[in-house]
Amino acid sequence: MITKPGDIFEVRIAEGKVAYAQALSEPEFAFYESLPINNLIPMFRIWVHKSAIKEWKKIGNEAISREMESEIPRFKQDPINGNLSIYINNNDQPASYEEIQSLECAAVWEGSHILDRLSDHLAGRKNKWVKSMRPKLNG
């Protein structure tokens, strides 16, 4: 499915629950608990693998808010030496463990993991996928 920035999707979750996703700058999406999304703070913003979108229902297109147009920093951790960095605007900057604590991991999410995360978020539970991607101290 071809998406355009601003496209809104209905994402069906287990137990009949629904969340909403707005396409931002590819491959990023913002996820919301309800509509309309204007003036709402997203639950989270992540990079989404294009295969996940095949399961979602496109329901419209809305202008992307100014805040959602800006790229957000994400963290990366080198799998060999454990060094941490902040990734933004195609740039990596060295970072400390403390500096990256509130950041999302620079990772592309698969559909089933997104559904798990949405379900956990709406139920107030910690998500195992988010936990598995948290930075490790000392690599």
C-alpha atoms as a PDB file:
ATOM      1  CA  MET A   1       0.000   0.000   0.000  1.00  0.00           C
ATOM      2  CA  ILE A   2       1.322   3.418  -0.921  1.00  0.00           C
ATOM      3  CA  THR A   3       1.071   5.942   1.883  1.00  0.00           C
ATOM      4  CA  LYS A   4       1.327   9.697   1.818  1.00  0.00           C
ATOM      5  CA  PRO A   5       2.273  11.947   4.710  1.00  0.00           C
ATOM      6  CA  GLY A   6      -0.868  12.704   6.682  1.00  0.00           C
ATOM      7  CA  ASP A   7      -2.674   9.444   5.851  1.00  0.00           C
ATOM      8  CA  ILE A   8      -4.720   8.207   8.816  1.00  0.00           C
ATOM      9  CA  PHE A   9      -5.166   4.492   9.502  1.00  0.00           C
ATOM     10  CA  GLU A  10      -7.389   2.533  11.836  1.00  0.00           C
ATOM     11  CA  VAL A  11      -5.360  -0.181  13.578  1.00  0.00           C
ATOM     12  CA  ARG A  12      -7.409  -3.044  15.011  1.00  0.00           C
ATOM     13  CA  ILE A  13      -5.973  -4.499  18.197  1.00  0.00           C
ATOM     14  CA  ALA A  14      -6.945  -7.627  20.173  1.00  0.00           C
ATOM     15  CA  GLU A  15     -10.114  -7.567  22.254  1.00  0.00           C
ATOM     16  CA  GLY A  16     -11.886  -5.349  19.705  1.00  0.00           C
ATOM     17  CA  LYS A  17      -9.847  -2.282  20.585  1.00  0.00           C
ATOM     18  CA  VAL A  18      -8.778   0.271  17.989  1.00  0.00           C
ATOM     19  CA  ALA A  19      -5.950   2.781  17.737  1.00  0.00           C
ATOM     20  CA  TYR A  20      -5.075   5.247  15.007  1.00  0.00           C
ATOM     21  CA  ALA A  21      -1.854   5.894  13.123  1.00  0.00           C
ATOM     22  CA  GLN A  22      -0.819   8.890  11.063  1.00  0.00           C
ATOM     23  CA  ALA A  23       1.880   8.584   8.424  1.00  0.00           C
ATOM     24  CA  LEU A  24       4.596  11.157   8.981  1.00  0.00           C
ATOM     25  CA  SER A  25       7.855  11.294   7.032  1.00  0.00           C
ATOM     26  CA  GLU A  26       8.492   7.753   5.761  1.00  0.00           C
ATOM     27  CA  PRO A  27       8.877   5.351   7.584  1.00  0.00           C
ATOM     28  CA  GLU A  28       7.628   7.157  10.709  1.00  0.00           C
ATOM     29  CA  PHE A  29       4.108   6.974  12.147  1.00  0.00           C
ATOM     30  CA  ALA A  30       2.500   8.587  15.175  1.00  0.00           C
ATOM     31  CA  PHE A  31      -0.025   6.470  17.121  1.00  0.00           C
ATOM     32  CA  TYR A  32      -3.120   7.837  18.859  1.00  0.00           C
ATOM     33  CA  GLU A  33      -5.817   6.497  21.167  1.00  0.00           C
ATOM     34  CA  SER A  34      -8.689   8.375  19.506  1.00  0.00           C
ATOM     35  CA  LEU A  35      -9.834  10.671  16.724  1.00  0.00           C
ATOM     36  CA  PRO A  36      -9.661  13.451  15.749  1.00  0.00           C
ATOM     37  CA  ILE A  37      -5.904  13.619  16.239  1.00  0.00           C
ATOM     38  CA  ASN A  38      -5.659  17.413  16.033  1.00  0.00           C
ATOM     39  CA  ASN A  39      -4.124  18.730  19.252  1.00  0.00           C
ATOM     40  CA  LEU A  40      -3.668  15.229  20.695  1.00  0.00           C
ATOM     41  CA  ILE A  41      -0.333  13.996  21.981  1.00  0.00           C
ATOM     42  CA  PRO A  42       0.583  10.685  20.370  1.00  0.00           C
ATOM     43  CA  MET A  43       1.111   7.588  22.490  1.00  0.00           C
ATOM     44  CA  PHE A  44       4.412   7.141  20.647  1.00  0.00           C
ATOM     45  CA  ARG A  45       6.190   7.739  17.349  1.00  0.00           C
ATOM     46  CA  ILE A  46       8.052   4.889  15.697  1.00  0.00           C
ATOM     47  CA  TRP A  47       9.451   3.753  12.378  1.00  0.00           C
ATOM     48  CA  VAL A  48       7.131   1.178  10.786  1.00  0.00           C
ATOM     49  CA  HIS A  49       7.988  -1.588   8.326  1.00  0.00           C
ATOM     50  CA  LYS A  50       5.844  -1.241   5.199  1.00  0.00           C
ATOM     51  CA  SER A  51       4.468  -4.784   5.604  1.00  0.00           C
ATOM     52  CA  ALA A  52       2.646  -3.726   8.797  1.00  0.00           C
ATOM     53  CA  ILE A  53       0.524  -1.178   6.943  1.00  0.00           C
ATOM     54  CA  LYS A  54      -1.122  -3.897   4.807  1.00  0.00           C
ATOM     55  CA  GLU A  55      -3.226  -4.910   7.824  1.00  0.00           C
ATOM     56  CA  TRP A  56      -4.450  -1.386   8.572  1.00  0.00           C
ATOM     57  CA  LYS A  57      -7.512   0.368   7.149  1.00  0.00           C
ATOM     58  CA  LYS A  58      -6.898   3.773   5.599  1.00  0.00           C
ATOM     59  CA  ILE A  59      -9.641   6.133   6.760  1.00  0.00           C
ATOM     60  CA  GLY A  60      -8.467   9.551   5.591  1.00  0.00           C
ATOM     61  CA  ASN A  61      -5.740  12.150   5.453  1.00  0.00           C
ATOM     62  CA  GLU A  62      -5.149  15.123   7.741  1.00  0.00           C
ATOM     63  CA  ALA A  63      -2.497  17.790   7.693  1.00  0.00           C
ATOM     64  CA  ILE A  64       0.492  16.893   9.831  1.00  0.00           C
ATOM     65  CA  SER A  65       0.889  19.226  12.776  1.00  0.00           C
ATOM     66  CA  ARG A  66       3.977  21.412  12.898  1.00  0.00           C
ATOM     67  CA  GLU A  67       5.227  19.479  15.924  1.00  0.00           C
ATOM     68  CA  MET A  68       4.896  16.138  14.111  1.00  0.00           C
ATOM     69  CA  GLU A  69       6.809  17.453  11.079  1.00  0.00           C
ATOM     70  CA  SER A  70      10.009  17.751  13.124  1.00  0.00           C
ATOM     71  CA  GLU A  71      12.232  14.715  13.360  1.00  0.00           C
ATOM     72  CA  ILE A  72      12.720  13.433  16.896  1.00  0.00           C
ATOM     73  CA  PRO A  73      15.995  12.142  18.331  1.00  0.00           C
ATOM     74  CA  ARG A  74      16.369   8.402  18.793  1.00  0.00           C
ATOM     75  CA  PHE A  75      19.122   6.389  20.398  1.00  0.00           C
ATOM     76  CA  LYS A  76      21.413   3.747  18.939  1.00  0.00           C
ATOM     77  CA  GLN A  77      23.761   1.337  20.688  1.00  0.00           C
ATOM     78  CA  ASP A  78      26.669  -0.249  18.866  1.00  0.00           C
ATOM     79  CA  PRO A  79      26.266  -4.038  19.249  1.00  0.00           C
ATOM     80  CA  ILE A  80      30.023  -4.619  19.402  1.00  0.00           C
ATOM     81  CA  ASN A  81      31.440  -1.922  21.670  1.00  0.00           C
ATOM     82  CA  GLY A  82      28.215  -0.805  23.387  1.00  0.00           C
ATOM     83  CA  ASN A  83      28.758   2.870  22.562  1.00  0.00           C
ATOM     84  CA  LEU A  84      25.606   4.970  22.616  1.00  0.00           C
ATOM     85  CA  SER A  85      24.612   7.726  20.234  1.00  0.00           C
ATOM     86  CA  ILE A  86      21.722  10.036  19.499  1.00  0.00           C
ATOM     87  CA  TYR A  87      20.469   9.803  15.930  1.00  0.00           C
ATOM     88  CA  ILE A  88      18.643  12.754  14.343  1.00  0.00           C
ATOM     89  CA  ASN A  89      18.605  14.269  10.858  1.00  0.00           C
ATOM     90  CA  ASN A  90      20.792  11.439   9.491  1.00  0.00           C
ATOM     91  CA  ASN A  91      23.442  12.290  12.065  1.00  0.00           C
ATOM     92  CA  ASP A  92      24.881  10.337  15.014  1.00  0.00           C
ATOM     93  CA  GLN A  93      26.215  12.150  18.072  1.00  0.00           C
ATOM     94  CA  PRO A  94      27.947  10.306  20.927  1.00  0.00           C
ATOM     95  CA  ALA A  95      25.742  10.184  24.023  1.00  0.00           C
ATOM     96  CA  SER A  96      25.797   9.027  27.616  1.00  0.00           C
ATOM     97  CA  TYR A  97      23.467   6.425  29.112  1.00  0.00           C
ATOM     98  CA  GLU A  98      21.655   9.205  30.985  1.00  0.00           C
ATOM     99  CA  GLU A  99      21.136  11.309  27.843  1.00  0.00           C
ATOM    100  CA  ILE A 100      19.245   8.609  25.982  1.00  0.00           C
ATOM    101  CA  GLN A 101      16.921   7.366  28.739  1.00  0.00           C
ATOM    102  CA  SER A 102      13.798   9.107  27.418  1.00  0.00           C
ATOM    103  CA  LEU A 103      14.470   8.374  23.742  1.00  0.00           C
ATOM    104  CA  GLU A 104      12.909   5.811  21.438  1.00  0.00           C
ATOM    105  CA  CYS A 105      15.270   3.237  19.939  1.00  0.00           C
ATOM    106  CA  ALA A 106      16.214   3.800  16.278  1.00  0.00           C
ATOM    107  CA  ALA A 107      14.461   0.655  15.035  1.00  0.00           C
ATOM    108  CA  VAL A 108      11.881  -0.306  12.429  1.00  0.00           C
ATOM    109  CA  TRP A 109       8.883  -2.087  13.965  1.00  0.00           C
ATOM    110  CA  GLU A 110       7.069  -5.113  12.496  1.00  0.00           C
ATOM    111  CA  GLY A 111       3.266  -5.337  12.539  1.00  0.00           C
ATOM    112  CA  SER A 112       2.845  -7.928  15.310  1.00  0.00           C
ATOM    113  CA  HIS A 113       5.193  -5.996  17.608  1.00  0.00           C
ATOM    114  CA  ILE A 114       3.250  -2.775  16.975  1.00  0.00           C
ATOM    115  CA  LEU A 115      -0.023  -4.524  17.886  1.00  0.00           C
ATOM    116  CA  ASP A 116       1.560  -5.853  21.095  1.00  0.00           C
ATOM    117  CA  ARG A 117       2.841  -2.393  21.970  1.00  0.00           C
ATOM    118  CA  LEU A 118      -0.511  -0.723  21.311  1.00  0.00           C
ATOM    119  CA  SER A 119      -2.375  -3.337  23.334  1.00  0.00           C
ATOM    120  CA  ASP A 120       0.063  -3.012  26.231  1.00  0.00           C
ATOM    121  CA  HIS A 121      -0.050   0.783  26.141  1.00  0.00           C
ATOM    122  CA  LEU A 122      -3.851   0.885  26.227  1.00  0.00           C
ATOM    123  CA  ALA A 123      -3.871  -1.643  29.085  1.00  0.00           C
ATOM    124  CA  GLY A 124      -1.225   0.281  31.049  1.00  0.00           C
ATOM    125  CA  ARG A 125       1.327  -2.551  30.816  1.00  0.00           C
ATOM    126  CA  LYS A 126       5.049  -2.415  30.084  1.00  0.00           C
ATOM    127  CA  ASN A 127       5.887  -3.752  26.635  1.00  0.00           C
ATOM    128  CA  LYS A 128       8.424  -6.567  26.243  1.00  0.00           C
ATOM    129  CA  TRP A 129       9.641  -5.254  22.873  1.00  0.00           C
ATOM    130  CA  VAL A 130      10.347  -1.776  24.223  1.00  0.00           C
ATOM    131  CA  LYS A 131      12.123  -3.361  27.182  1.00  0.00           C
ATOM    132  CA  SER A 132      14.241  -5.603  24.931  1.00  0.00           C
ATOM    133  CA  MET A 133      15.454  -2.582  22.957  1.00  0.00           C
ATOM    134  CA  ARG A 134      16.462  -0.476  25.956  1.00  0.00           C
ATOM    135  CA  PRO A 135      20.170   0.314  26.109  1.00  0.00           C
ATOM    136  CA  LYS A 136      22.431  -2.022  28.021  1.00  0.00           C
ATOM    137  CA  LEU A 137      24.883  -0.558  30.510  1.00  0.00           C
ATOM    138  CA  ASN A 138      28.481  -1.351  29.535  1.00  0.00           C
ATOM    139  CA  GLY A 139      27.340  -2.646  26.146  1.00  0.00           C
END
